[in-house]
Protein backbone atom coordinates (compact mmCIF):
# COMPACT_ATOMS: atom_id res chain seq x y z
CA UNK A 1 44.47 80.96 80.60
CA UNK A 2 43.13 84.10 80.19
CA UNK A 3 41.97 85.25 76.49
CA UNK A 4 44.79 88.41 76.28
CA UNK A 5 47.44 85.89 77.70
CA UNK A 6 47.06 83.41 75.02
CA UNK A 7 47.09 86.37 72.30
CA UNK A 8 50.31 87.47 73.55
CA UNK A 9 51.30 83.78 73.74
CA UNK A 10 50.43 83.21 70.16
CA UNK A 11 52.09 86.33 69.03
CA UNK A 12 55.41 85.39 70.39
CA UNK A 13 54.86 82.30 68.68
CA UNK A 14 54.40 83.53 65.35
CA UNK A 15 57.13 85.78 65.67
CA UNK A 16 59.66 82.90 66.25
CA UNK A 17 58.02 80.83 63.88
CA UNK A 18 58.87 83.58 60.94
CA UNK A 19 61.62 84.11 62.27
CA UNK A 20 63.20 80.35 62.09
CA UNK A 21 61.59 79.82 58.49
CA UNK A 22 63.36 83.05 57.48
CA UNK A 23 66.73 81.60 58.67
CA UNK A 24 66.07 78.23 57.46
CA UNK A 25 64.85 79.24 54.13
CA UNK A 26 67.82 81.59 53.42
CA UNK A 27 70.07 78.56 54.53
CA UNK A 28 68.16 76.27 52.02
CA UNK A 29 68.67 78.65 49.07
CA UNK A 30 72.33 78.14 50.01
CA UNK A 31 72.28 74.44 49.33
CA UNK A 32 70.04 74.69 46.77
CA UNK A 33 72.43 76.98 44.63
CA UNK A 34 69.44 79.89 44.77
CA UNK A 35 66.67 77.57 43.59
CA UNK A 36 63.06 78.36 44.05
CA UNK A 37 62.03 75.13 45.06
CA UNK A 38 63.70 75.32 48.51
CA UNK A 39 61.22 78.00 48.93
CA UNK A 40 58.03 75.52 48.41
CA UNK A 41 59.58 72.75 50.26
CA UNK A 42 60.03 74.87 53.33
CA UNK A 43 56.66 76.03 53.75
CA UNK A 44 55.17 72.92 52.45
CA UNK A 45 57.10 70.80 54.79
CA UNK A 46 56.50 73.84 57.68
CA UNK A 47 52.60 73.60 56.75
CA UNK A 48 52.37 69.94 56.48
CA UNK A 49 53.48 69.52 60.25
CA UNK A 50 51.56 72.46 61.27
CA UNK A 51 48.78 70.22 60.19
CA UNK A 52 49.85 67.12 61.84
CA UNK A 53 50.49 69.32 64.97
CA UNK A 54 47.14 70.39 65.14
CA UNK A 55 45.61 66.78 64.21
CA UNK A 56 47.33 65.16 67.29
CA UNK A 57 46.57 67.75 69.40
CA UNK A 58 43.29 67.84 68.73
CA UNK A 59 43.38 64.12 69.83
CA UNK A 60 44.43 64.80 73.23
CA UNK A 61 42.53 68.22 73.56
CA UNK A 62 41.37 66.79 76.86
CA UNK A 63 44.55 66.04 78.28
CA UNK A 64 46.52 69.24 77.43
CA UNK A 65 45.69 72.62 78.88
CA UNK A 66 46.24 75.83 76.82
CA UNK A 67 49.52 76.70 79.08
CA UNK A 68 51.40 73.06 77.96
CA UNK A 69 50.46 73.51 74.76
CA UNK A 70 51.81 76.84 74.52
CA UNK A 71 54.84 75.95 76.98
CA UNK A 72 55.79 72.97 75.71
CA UNK A 73 56.93 73.64 71.67
CA UNK A 74 58.67 76.53 72.70
CA UNK A 75 60.78 74.87 74.96
CA UNK A 76 61.65 72.08 72.16
CA UNK A 77 61.94 74.83 69.50
CA UNK A 78 64.78 76.01 71.67
CA UNK A 79 66.78 72.85 71.00
CA UNK A 80 65.72 71.79 67.67
CA UNK A 81 66.13 75.11 65.57
CA UNK A 82 69.83 74.66 66.46
CA UNK A 83 69.52 70.94 65.03
CA UNK A 84 67.50 71.82 61.90
CA UNK A 85 70.26 74.73 61.17
CA UNK A 86 73.29 72.26 61.23
CA UNK A 87 71.15 69.65 59.38
CA UNK A 88 70.53 72.24 56.71
CA UNK A 89 74.00 73.06 56.31
CA UNK A 90 75.39 69.87 56.36
CA UNK A 91 72.73 68.62 53.93
CA UNK A 92 75.02 68.53 50.68
CA UNK A 93 77.39 66.40 52.30
CA UNK A 94 75.34 63.93 53.91
CA UNK A 95 73.17 63.36 51.02
CA UNK A 96 76.93 62.59 49.61
CA UNK A 97 76.51 64.78 46.79
CA UNK A 98 79.15 65.99 44.47
CA UNK A 99 79.90 69.91 44.47
CA UNK A 100 78.21 72.09 41.58
CA UNK A 101 76.51 69.38 40.10
CA UNK A 102 73.11 69.88 41.71
CA UNK A 103 71.35 67.93 44.60
CA UNK A 104 69.07 64.80 44.12
CA UNK A 105 65.00 65.59 43.71
CA UNK A 106 64.88 62.38 45.87
CA UNK A 107 67.28 62.52 48.65
CA UNK A 108 67.06 66.34 49.69
CA UNK A 109 63.37 66.38 50.00
CA UNK A 110 63.21 63.32 51.87
CA UNK A 111 65.87 64.67 54.22
CA UNK A 112 64.13 67.97 54.10
CA UNK A 113 60.83 66.38 55.47
CA UNK A 114 62.72 64.83 58.72
CA UNK A 115 64.15 68.28 59.44
CA UNK A 116 60.98 70.63 59.03
CA UNK A 117 57.99 68.44 59.76
CA UNK A 118 59.00 68.48 63.68
CA UNK A 119 58.96 71.99 63.63
CA UNK A 120 55.62 72.39 62.07
CA UNK A 121 54.61 69.76 64.53
CA UNK A 122 55.65 71.81 67.57
CA UNK A 123 53.58 74.98 66.43
CA UNK A 124 50.68 72.66 65.58
CA UNK A 125 49.75 72.00 68.83
CA UNK A 126 48.83 75.51 69.86
CA UNK A 127 45.84 75.70 67.75
CA UNK A 128 43.62 72.47 69.08
CA UNK A 129 43.69 74.26 72.40
CA UNK A 130 43.14 78.05 71.42
CA UNK A 131 39.92 79.18 73.42
CA UNK A 132 39.29 81.18 70.38
CA UNK A 133 40.70 80.79 66.56
CA UNK A 134 39.92 83.80 65.55
CA UNK A 135 41.91 85.02 68.44
CA UNK A 136 44.85 82.60 67.71
CA UNK A 137 45.08 83.51 63.78
CA UNK A 138 45.06 87.06 64.31
CA UNK A 139 47.57 87.17 67.12
CA UNK A 140 49.78 84.63 65.38
CA UNK A 141 49.36 87.27 61.96
CA UNK A 142 50.49 89.83 64.35
CA UNK A 143 53.53 88.11 65.13
CA UNK A 144 54.81 87.47 62.00
CA UNK A 145 54.31 91.09 60.81
CA UNK A 146 56.63 91.63 64.09
CA UNK A 147 59.01 89.03 63.33
CA UNK A 148 59.22 90.41 59.87
CA UNK A 149 60.68 93.57 61.14
CA UNK A 150 62.22 92.22 63.64
CA UNK A 151 64.60 90.01 61.38
CA UNK A 152 64.61 92.90 58.53
CA UNK A 153 66.07 95.67 60.78
CA UNK A 154 67.63 94.03 63.80
CA UNK A 155 68.41 90.26 62.68
CA UNK A 156 70.05 90.83 59.30
CA UNK A 157 72.37 93.52 60.61
CA UNK A 158 73.98 90.79 62.91
CA UNK A 159 75.72 89.67 59.52
CA UNK A 160 75.75 86.05 60.75
CA UNK A 161 73.34 82.80 60.63
CA UNK A 162 74.76 81.57 63.44
CA UNK A 163 74.22 84.50 65.64
CA UNK A 164 70.44 84.65 64.47
CA UNK A 165 69.60 80.94 65.52
CA UNK A 166 71.24 81.97 69.01
CA UNK A 167 69.55 84.74 69.58
CA UNK A 168 66.12 83.05 68.73
CA UNK A 169 66.90 80.36 71.03
CA UNK A 170 67.86 82.80 73.87
CA UNK A 171 64.92 84.66 73.14
CA UNK A 172 62.85 82.33 73.89
CA UNK A 173 63.66 80.94 77.61
CA UNK A 174 63.97 84.56 78.50
CA UNK A 175 60.33 85.34 77.57
CA UNK A 176 59.50 82.06 79.29
CA UNK A 177 61.20 84.03 82.44
CA UNK A 178 59.40 87.22 81.88
CA UNK A 179 56.04 85.08 81.68
CA UNK A 180 57.23 82.51 84.46
CA UNK A 181 53.51 82.51 86.19
CA UNK A 182 51.96 82.12 82.68
CA UNK A 183 53.93 79.37 81.05
CA UNK A 184 56.57 77.66 83.99
CA UNK A 185 53.37 77.91 86.75
CA UNK A 186 55.26 78.01 89.73
CA UNK A 187 59.06 78.90 89.53
CA UNK A 188 60.60 76.11 91.57
CA UNK A 189 64.66 76.30 91.99
CA UNK A 190 64.86 73.08 89.36
CA UNK A 191 63.10 74.91 86.88
CA UNK A 192 65.11 78.20 87.39
CA UNK A 193 68.32 76.50 87.42
CA UNK A 194 67.36 75.01 83.92
CA UNK A 195 66.13 78.06 82.53
CA UNK A 196 68.82 79.79 83.71
CA UNK A 197 71.28 77.28 82.34
CA UNK A 198 69.82 77.66 79.04
CA UNK A 199 70.06 81.10 78.67
CA UNK A 200 74.19 80.89 79.97
CA UNK A 201 74.89 78.34 77.50
CA UNK A 202 73.38 80.19 74.54
CA UNK A 203 75.26 83.29 75.74
CA UNK A 204 78.63 81.55 75.97
CA UNK A 205 77.82 80.63 72.39
CA UNK A 206 77.72 84.13 71.19
CA UNK A 207 81.20 84.47 71.73
CA UNK A 208 82.14 82.02 69.07
CA UNK A 209 79.07 82.62 66.65
CA UNK A 210 81.90 83.94 64.14
CA UNK A 211 83.68 81.06 63.71
CA UNK A 212 80.94 78.52 64.07
CA UNK A 213 79.55 80.25 61.30
CA UNK A 214 82.80 80.04 59.26
CA UNK A 215 83.76 76.84 60.16
CA UNK A 216 80.10 75.03 59.32
CA UNK A 217 80.01 76.65 56.05
CA UNK A 218 83.54 75.82 55.05
CA UNK A 219 82.64 72.25 56.03
CA UNK A 220 78.90 72.09 54.31
CA UNK A 221 78.29 74.37 51.32
CA UNK A 222 82.15 75.29 50.14
CA UNK A 223 84.18 72.53 50.88
CA UNK A 224 87.63 72.75 49.95
CA UNK A 225 87.48 76.50 50.59
CA UNK A 226 88.80 78.98 53.12
CA UNK A 227 85.88 81.75 54.14
CA UNK A 228 87.36 84.61 54.02
CA UNK A 229 84.27 86.69 54.39
CA UNK A 230 80.53 86.17 54.87
CA UNK A 231 77.72 88.76 54.40
CA UNK A 232 74.08 88.11 54.49
CA UNK A 233 71.64 91.25 53.41
CA UNK A 234 68.48 91.48 52.03
CA UNK A 235 69.21 90.50 48.22
CA UNK A 236 70.76 87.13 50.05
CA UNK A 237 74.17 85.27 51.36
CA UNK A 238 77.48 86.37 49.78
CA UNK A 239 80.71 84.80 50.31
CA UNK A 240 84.02 85.60 49.47
CA UNK A 241 86.16 82.27 49.96
CA UNK A 242 89.87 81.21 48.74
CA UNK A 243 90.83 77.87 47.18
CA UNK A 244 94.60 77.25 45.39
CA UNK A 245 95.49 81.25 45.84
CA UNK A 246 92.48 82.08 44.25
CA UNK A 247 89.43 84.44 45.44
CA UNK A 248 85.96 83.22 44.32
CA UNK A 249 82.44 85.20 44.99
CA UNK A 250 78.99 83.54 45.59
CA UNK A 251 75.89 84.45 45.98
CA UNK A 252 73.32 82.06 47.83
CA UNK A 253 76.08 79.37 46.32
CA UNK A 254 76.25 80.56 43.04
CA UNK A 255 79.74 81.29 41.67
CA UNK A 256 80.15 85.16 40.39
CA UNK A 257 83.33 85.72 39.94
CA UNK A 258 87.09 84.86 40.91
CA UNK A 259 90.09 86.52 41.17
CA UNK A 260 92.66 85.95 39.17
CA UNK A 261 89.93 85.28 36.64
CA UNK A 262 89.73 81.66 35.81
CA UNK A 263 87.53 81.98 32.30
CA UNK A 264 90.12 85.55 31.34
CA UNK A 265 89.46 84.22 27.42
CA UNK A 266 85.95 84.96 27.44
CA UNK A 267 85.99 87.95 29.60
CA UNK A 268 88.15 89.71 27.18
CA UNK A 269 85.53 88.54 24.50
CA UNK A 270 82.56 89.73 26.35
CA UNK A 271 84.18 92.90 27.15
CA UNK A 272 85.45 93.76 23.86
CA UNK A 273 82.66 92.40 21.20
CA UNK A 274 80.20 94.21 22.47
CA UNK A 275 82.56 97.58 22.53
CA UNK A 276 82.94 97.06 18.83
CA UNK A 277 79.32 97.77 18.23
CA UNK A 278 79.75 101.09 20.31
CA UNK A 279 83.25 102.13 20.08
CA UNK A 280 82.39 105.41 20.92
CA UNK A 281 80.88 104.76 24.37
CA UNK A 282 81.36 107.22 26.78
CA UNK A 283 79.22 106.00 29.86
CA UNK A 284 78.73 102.21 30.76
CA UNK A 285 76.51 100.51 32.85
CA UNK A 286 77.85 97.11 34.39
CA UNK A 287 74.94 95.38 36.03
CA UNK A 288 76.46 92.27 38.37
CA UNK A 289 80.50 91.06 38.67
CA UNK A 290 81.98 93.72 37.28
CA UNK A 291 86.12 92.22 38.34
CA UNK A 292 86.45 90.19 35.15
CA UNK A 293 85.43 93.10 32.50
CA UNK A 294 86.69 95.97 34.00
CA UNK A 295 90.23 95.57 33.15
CA UNK A 296 90.00 95.98 29.93
CA UNK A 297 87.01 98.43 29.86
CA UNK A 298 89.56 100.74 31.81
CA UNK A 299 92.08 100.30 29.13
CA UNK A 300 89.49 102.34 26.70
CA UNK A 301 88.53 105.68 26.56
CA UNK A 302 85.44 105.56 28.38
CA UNK A 303 84.24 108.80 30.74
CA UNK A 304 82.56 107.21 33.27
CA UNK A 305 81.79 103.54 34.23
CA UNK A 306 78.85 102.59 36.59
CA UNK A 307 79.18 99.71 38.49
CA UNK A 308 75.72 98.35 40.10
CA UNK A 309 76.07 95.43 42.36
CA UNK A 310 73.82 93.79 45.26
CA UNK A 311 76.91 91.61 46.69
CA UNK A 312 78.29 93.80 49.02
CA UNK A 313 81.31 91.64 49.12
CA UNK A 314 82.06 90.88 45.50
CA UNK A 315 81.89 94.58 45.02
CA UNK A 316 84.57 95.53 47.66
CA UNK A 317 86.55 92.39 47.19
CA UNK A 318 86.84 92.08 43.61
CA UNK A 319 86.36 95.05 42.03
CA UNK A 320 87.91 97.60 44.03
CA UNK A 321 88.79 100.21 41.37
CA UNK A 322 85.66 101.29 40.87
CA UNK A 323 83.06 102.06 43.55
CA UNK A 324 79.73 100.13 43.13
CA UNK A 325 75.85 100.94 44.07
CA UNK A 326 75.14 98.36 46.42
CA UNK A 327 71.25 98.40 45.25
CA UNK A 328 68.97 96.10 42.70
CA UNK A 329 69.90 96.95 39.12
CA UNK A 330 65.84 96.92 38.16
CA UNK A 331 65.38 99.27 41.41
CA UNK A 332 68.59 101.54 39.83
CA UNK A 333 66.61 101.49 36.18
CA UNK A 334 63.46 102.71 37.14
CA UNK A 335 64.69 105.60 39.41
CA UNK A 336 67.92 106.68 37.22
CA UNK A 337 67.47 109.70 34.66
CA UNK A 338 71.18 109.13 33.39
CA UNK A 339 71.74 107.41 30.19
CA UNK A 340 74.53 104.78 28.72
CA UNK A 341 75.96 104.03 25.90
CA UNK A 342 76.74 100.47 26.32
CA UNK A 343 75.23 98.20 29.15
CA UNK A 344 76.63 94.80 30.35
CA UNK A 345 74.54 92.29 32.24
CA UNK A 346 77.22 90.26 33.45
CA UNK A 347 75.11 88.32 36.12
CA UNK A 348 74.92 84.65 36.39
CA UNK A 349 72.69 82.20 33.91
CA UNK A 350 69.03 82.97 34.22
CA UNK A 351 68.81 79.61 36.28
CA UNK A 352 66.29 80.28 39.00
CA UNK A 353 63.44 82.92 38.97
CA UNK A 354 65.56 85.43 41.33
CA UNK A 355 68.06 85.40 38.32
CA UNK A 356 65.67 85.33 35.44
CA UNK A 357 64.07 88.57 36.41
CA UNK A 358 66.65 90.26 34.70
CA UNK A 359 66.27 88.67 31.58
CA UNK A 360 62.51 89.30 30.75
CA UNK A 361 60.82 91.81 28.35
CA UNK A 362 59.81 94.16 31.52
CA UNK A 363 63.71 94.06 32.84
CA UNK A 364 64.95 94.70 29.00
CA UNK A 365 62.40 97.45 28.36
CA UNK A 366 64.06 99.36 31.27
CA UNK A 367 67.35 98.88 29.90
CA UNK A 368 66.43 100.45 26.59
CA UNK A 369 64.83 103.06 28.43
CA UNK A 370 68.42 104.03 29.85
CA UNK A 371 70.25 103.80 26.55
CA UNK A 372 70.93 106.69 24.44
CA UNK A 373 69.40 106.23 21.13
CA UNK A 374 72.72 104.08 19.37
CA UNK A 375 73.21 102.18 22.74
CA UNK A 376 73.73 98.83 23.28
CA UNK A 377 73.38 96.49 25.69
CA UNK A 378 74.94 92.80 25.98
CA UNK A 379 74.64 89.57 28.36
CA UNK A 380 75.83 85.96 28.21
CA UNK A 381 74.24 82.69 27.92
CA UNK A 382 75.38 78.92 28.26
CA UNK A 383 76.54 77.58 24.76
CA UNK A 384 78.60 75.13 22.94
CA UNK A 385 81.49 74.49 20.76
CA UNK A 386 79.82 71.57 18.70
CA UNK A 387 76.28 70.69 20.04
CA UNK A 388 73.37 72.25 22.11
CA UNK A 389 71.04 69.89 23.46
CA UNK A 390 67.42 70.73 24.12
CA UNK A 391 67.52 72.31 27.43
CA UNK A 392 70.16 74.86 26.04
CA UNK A 393 68.71 75.46 23.16
CA UNK A 394 65.01 76.68 24.60
CA UNK A 395 66.82 78.69 27.28
CA UNK A 396 68.34 80.72 24.39
CA UNK A 397 65.64 80.94 22.52
CA UNK A 398 63.83 82.05 25.15
CA UNK A 399 66.60 84.89 25.95
CA UNK A 400 66.62 85.92 22.18
CA UNK A 401 62.87 86.19 22.61
CA UNK A 402 62.77 87.97 25.28
CA UNK A 403 65.38 90.67 23.80
CA UNK A 404 64.11 90.57 20.35
CA UNK A 405 60.46 91.47 21.86
CA UNK A 406 61.82 95.08 23.02
CA UNK A 407 65.40 95.39 20.95
CA UNK A 408 64.77 94.89 16.73
CA UNK A 409 68.17 94.11 16.24
CA UNK A 410 69.80 91.25 18.09
CA UNK A 411 72.83 89.81 17.68
CA UNK A 412 74.32 86.28 18.99
CA UNK A 413 78.38 85.74 18.93
CA UNK A 414 77.94 81.78 19.24
CA UNK A 415 80.73 80.31 21.28
CA UNK A 416 80.96 78.13 24.29
CA UNK A 417 79.82 80.77 25.99
CA UNK A 418 77.07 82.61 23.75
CA UNK A 419 77.18 86.83 23.90
CA UNK A 420 73.92 88.43 22.95
CA UNK A 421 74.36 92.07 21.62
CA UNK A 422 71.03 93.63 21.46
CA UNK A 423 70.45 97.57 20.15
CA UNK A 424 67.99 99.78 18.89
CA UNK A 425 68.05 100.08 14.89
CA UNK A 426 69.61 103.67 14.81
CA UNK A 427 72.93 101.89 15.88
CA UNK A 428 75.41 102.12 12.61
CA UNK A 429 77.36 99.14 13.21
CA UNK A 430 78.43 98.33 9.24
CA UNK A 431 80.21 101.72 9.44
CA UNK A 432 81.30 101.12 13.32
CA UNK A 433 82.71 97.95 13.25
CA UNK A 434 85.88 98.74 11.01
CA UNK A 435 86.89 101.75 13.05
CA UNK A 436 86.36 99.81 16.22
CA UNK A 437 88.54 97.06 15.42
CA UNK A 438 91.25 99.73 15.01
CA UNK A 439 90.67 101.48 17.77
CA UNK A 440 91.15 98.68 20.08
CA UNK A 441 94.44 98.35 21.65
């Protein structure tokens, strides 16, 4: 195989690899409820498999040609990728875990080992037969860059994970046919029929991709729910599901909100208690799911409510009364010139690094910059009616410390869910509270 032909093969292999890893990684985030441990597991096992594949092929380097080393891993990856994808989707029921209780840190890594290492081994075979390691790495890195662009701008808009997987599986045999003299060698009738059959089967599955996606999601990650809508975006995977007449919104498997609100008592408290501290508020910003608190805020003489949400489905399905800005809250706060009297951070608890970025000193500093002089921010944390264990205590203390580093006045309204209220020193709560209590309707 010539140098340029080998570079082309490595580039295509890198493109396929990064798209496959991106798809599988997003599925792992759903299974792990958005836990970043899944990121480490995907890359660790894929790289471990790559190293094992390189070692195995190096021992048989004399028997392997560069053409075979590039051809067979791509062919096997065509059949292996759908198996791994479905394996991840059904990892929760296979591991026999109870929904909403988390996954075993022993069972899941063991299952992931069986899923990801074989894929890494396939791509690892390509390195040992490279005539020039520098060419192989540079070409594969270029393929990774191209694959990232393709995934972001062409595959995410497909809005269907099954369709993404099928697209990758269909692209491989098409690429093999287009480069038949390089990878397949002499195009015999049997080889032609085999590759053409794969293309026909994959193309046929495209028609049922939406049904397959919804059915596998309902059976695996959301048992007992009926999938209403599923949306893939750069921010993650959003799902609207129905159960017992209630609509539920999820982001990467983490529950965001429901309609009707199953925790209406707390939602009312979370809407009104911060409002007591700033009951003359004219401009309000809600970051996260606005559906539980909007009905209460709309009763008050607020001139403008700005709603920031990166979950497209939750914004359009659960809170249609207020138009949402579909963007990242940190990005919005860093670019807006608007000032608000009251900011609600109504996001899930900071259980992952992705969520914790909204509870840091940097984020609180950005919210303070967007507040008026007497503005107030409010966010929530897990609490308890009787006793907080050490984990919850440390979590609440961490949130209080981060907020207090930016706001000199931080109050906690304790309960089953704690409400944090932070403000600048100029907020005159003592004189406002009596008037606020009488003004609420």
